[in-house]
C-alpha atoms as a PDB file:
ATOM      1  CA  MET A   1      64.647 109.098 137.781  1.00  0.00           C
ATOM      2  CA  SER A   2      66.146 109.247 141.224  1.00  0.00           C
ATOM      3  CA  THR A   3      69.275 107.079 142.100  1.00  0.00           C
ATOM      4  CA  SER A   4      69.806 108.188 145.761  1.00  0.00           C
ATOM      5  CA  TRP A   5      68.103 106.677 149.239  1.00  0.00           C
ATOM      6  CA  ILE A   6      64.041 107.436 149.552  1.00  0.00           C
ATOM      7  CA  SER A   7      63.690 107.017 153.377  1.00  0.00           C
ATOM      8  CA  THR A   8      61.205 104.448 153.990  1.00  0.00           C
ATOM      9  CA  ALA A   9      60.403 107.114 157.341  1.00  0.00           C
ATOM     10  CA  GLU A  10      59.985 109.648 154.140  1.00  0.00           C
ATOM     11  CA  ARG A  11      58.154 107.422 151.777  1.00  0.00           C
ATOM     12  CA  MET A  12      57.784 103.913 149.944  1.00  0.00           C
ATOM     13  CA  PRO A  13      57.995 102.342 146.623  1.00  0.00           C
ATOM     14  CA  GLU A  14      54.108 101.952 143.802  1.00  0.00           C
ATOM     15  CA  ASP A  15      52.893  98.567 144.980  1.00  0.00           C
ATOM     16  CA  GLY A  16      54.341  96.129 142.726  1.00  0.00           C
ATOM     17  CA  GLN A  17      57.587  98.459 141.958  1.00  0.00           C
ATOM     18  CA  SER A  18      60.819  96.686 141.214  1.00  0.00           C
ATOM     19  CA  VAL A  19      63.428  98.342 143.843  1.00  0.00           C
ATOM     20  CA  ALA A  20      66.888  97.670 145.439  1.00  0.00           C
ATOM     21  CA  PHE A  21      66.069  98.062 149.272  1.00  0.00           C
ATOM     22  CA  VAL A  22      68.368  98.608 152.234  1.00  0.00           C
ATOM     23  CA  VAL A  23      67.343  95.570 154.861  1.00  0.00           C
ATOM     24  CA  SER A  24      66.326  96.927 158.357  1.00  0.00           C
ATOM     25  CA  LEU A  25      65.187  93.352 160.756  1.00  0.00           C
ATOM     26  CA  ALA A  26      65.163  93.316 164.330  1.00  0.00           C
ATOM     27  CA  ASP A  27      67.388  92.151 166.686  1.00  0.00           C
ATOM     28  CA  GLY A  28      67.375  88.047 166.803  1.00  0.00           C
ATOM     29  CA  SER A  29      66.006  87.605 163.815  1.00  0.00           C
ATOM     30  CA  THR A  30      66.364  84.029 161.739  1.00  0.00           C
ATOM     31  CA  HIS A  31      67.559  86.114 158.631  1.00  0.00           C
ATOM     32  CA  ASP A  32      69.623  88.613 160.961  1.00  0.00           C
ATOM     33  CA  TYR A  33      73.135  88.514 158.875  1.00  0.00           C
ATOM     34  CA  LEU A  34      71.201  89.831 156.296  1.00  0.00           C
ATOM     35  CA  ASN A  35      70.305  93.502 158.404  1.00  0.00           C
ATOM     36  CA  GLY A  36      71.402  96.454 156.167  1.00  0.00           C
ATOM     37  CA  ARG A  37      72.424  94.558 153.230  1.00  0.00           C
ATOM     38  CA  VAL A  38      70.768  95.634 150.020  1.00  0.00           C
ATOM     39  CA  LEU A  39      68.659  93.303 147.695  1.00  0.00           C
ATOM     40  CA  GLY A  40      67.199  94.252 144.226  1.00  0.00           C
ATOM     41  CA  GLY A  41      62.773  92.127 144.916  1.00  0.00           C
ATOM     42  CA  THR A  42      59.627  93.872 144.671  1.00  0.00           C
ATOM     43  CA  TYR A  43      57.757  96.224 146.800  1.00  0.00           C
ATOM     44  CA  HIS A  44      54.079  94.516 148.489  1.00  0.00           C
ATOM     45  CA  ALA A  45      52.147  97.471 149.287  1.00  0.00           C
ATOM     46  CA  GLY A  46      48.961  96.125 152.209  1.00  0.00           C
ATOM     47  CA  LYS A  47      48.705  94.221 155.967  1.00  0.00           C
ATOM     48  CA  TYR A  48      50.962  91.806 154.814  1.00  0.00           C
ATOM     49  CA  GLY A  49      52.927  93.610 152.617  1.00  0.00           C
ATOM     50  CA  GLY A  50      56.594  94.823 152.374  1.00  0.00           C
ATOM     51  CA  PHE A  51      59.828  94.260 150.560  1.00  0.00           C
ATOM     52  CA  SER A  52      60.614  90.968 148.274  1.00  0.00           C
ATOM     53  CA  ILE A  53      62.399  88.892 146.804  1.00  0.00           C
ATOM     54  CA  PRO A  54      61.127  85.061 146.198  1.00  0.00           C
ATOM     55  CA  GLY A  55      59.735  83.979 149.733  1.00  0.00           C
ATOM     56  CA  ILE A  56      60.267  86.079 152.099  1.00  0.00           C
ATOM     57  CA  THR A  57      59.564  89.577 153.297  1.00  0.00           C
ATOM     58  CA  PHE A  58      61.545  92.459 154.649  1.00  0.00           C
ATOM     59  CA  ASN A  59      61.872  94.879 156.216  1.00  0.00           C
ATOM     60  CA  ALA A  60      64.014  98.543 154.776  1.00  0.00           C
ATOM     61  CA  SER A  61      65.031 101.452 156.268  1.00  0.00           C
ATOM     62  CA  HIS A  62      65.606 102.276 152.871  1.00  0.00           C
ATOM     63  CA  TRP A  63      64.948 101.757 149.433  1.00  0.00           C
ATOM     64  CA  MET A  64      65.823 103.168 145.760  1.00  0.00           C
ATOM     65  CA  PRO A  65      63.817 102.521 142.033  1.00  0.00           C
ATOM     66  CA  LEU A  66      66.052  99.597 139.883  1.00  0.00           C
ATOM     67  CA  LEU A  67      67.520 101.176 136.486  1.00  0.00           C
ATOM     68  CA  ASP A  68      65.051  99.386 133.616  1.00  0.00           C
ATOM     69  CA  PRO A  69      66.550  96.031 132.708  1.00  0.00           C
ATOM     70  CA  PRO A  70      68.664  96.739 129.119  1.00  0.00           C
ATOM     71  CA  LYS A  71      66.921  96.951 125.257  1.00  0.00           C
END
């Protein structure tokens, strides 16, 4: 499993994959305080998809797969 950041320009995660991602927002966004922050969430492909945490979806510049949780 890769432990380095992957550019969204290079490739996107699989649909439904749990990932860490770097938020990339346009200037003046409602959530601009999150720009450049690393969040954990899920990637959803499709027309209105993106990197999401419950209740909100973001654009991202980079991402990496999350490790499997401890057993």
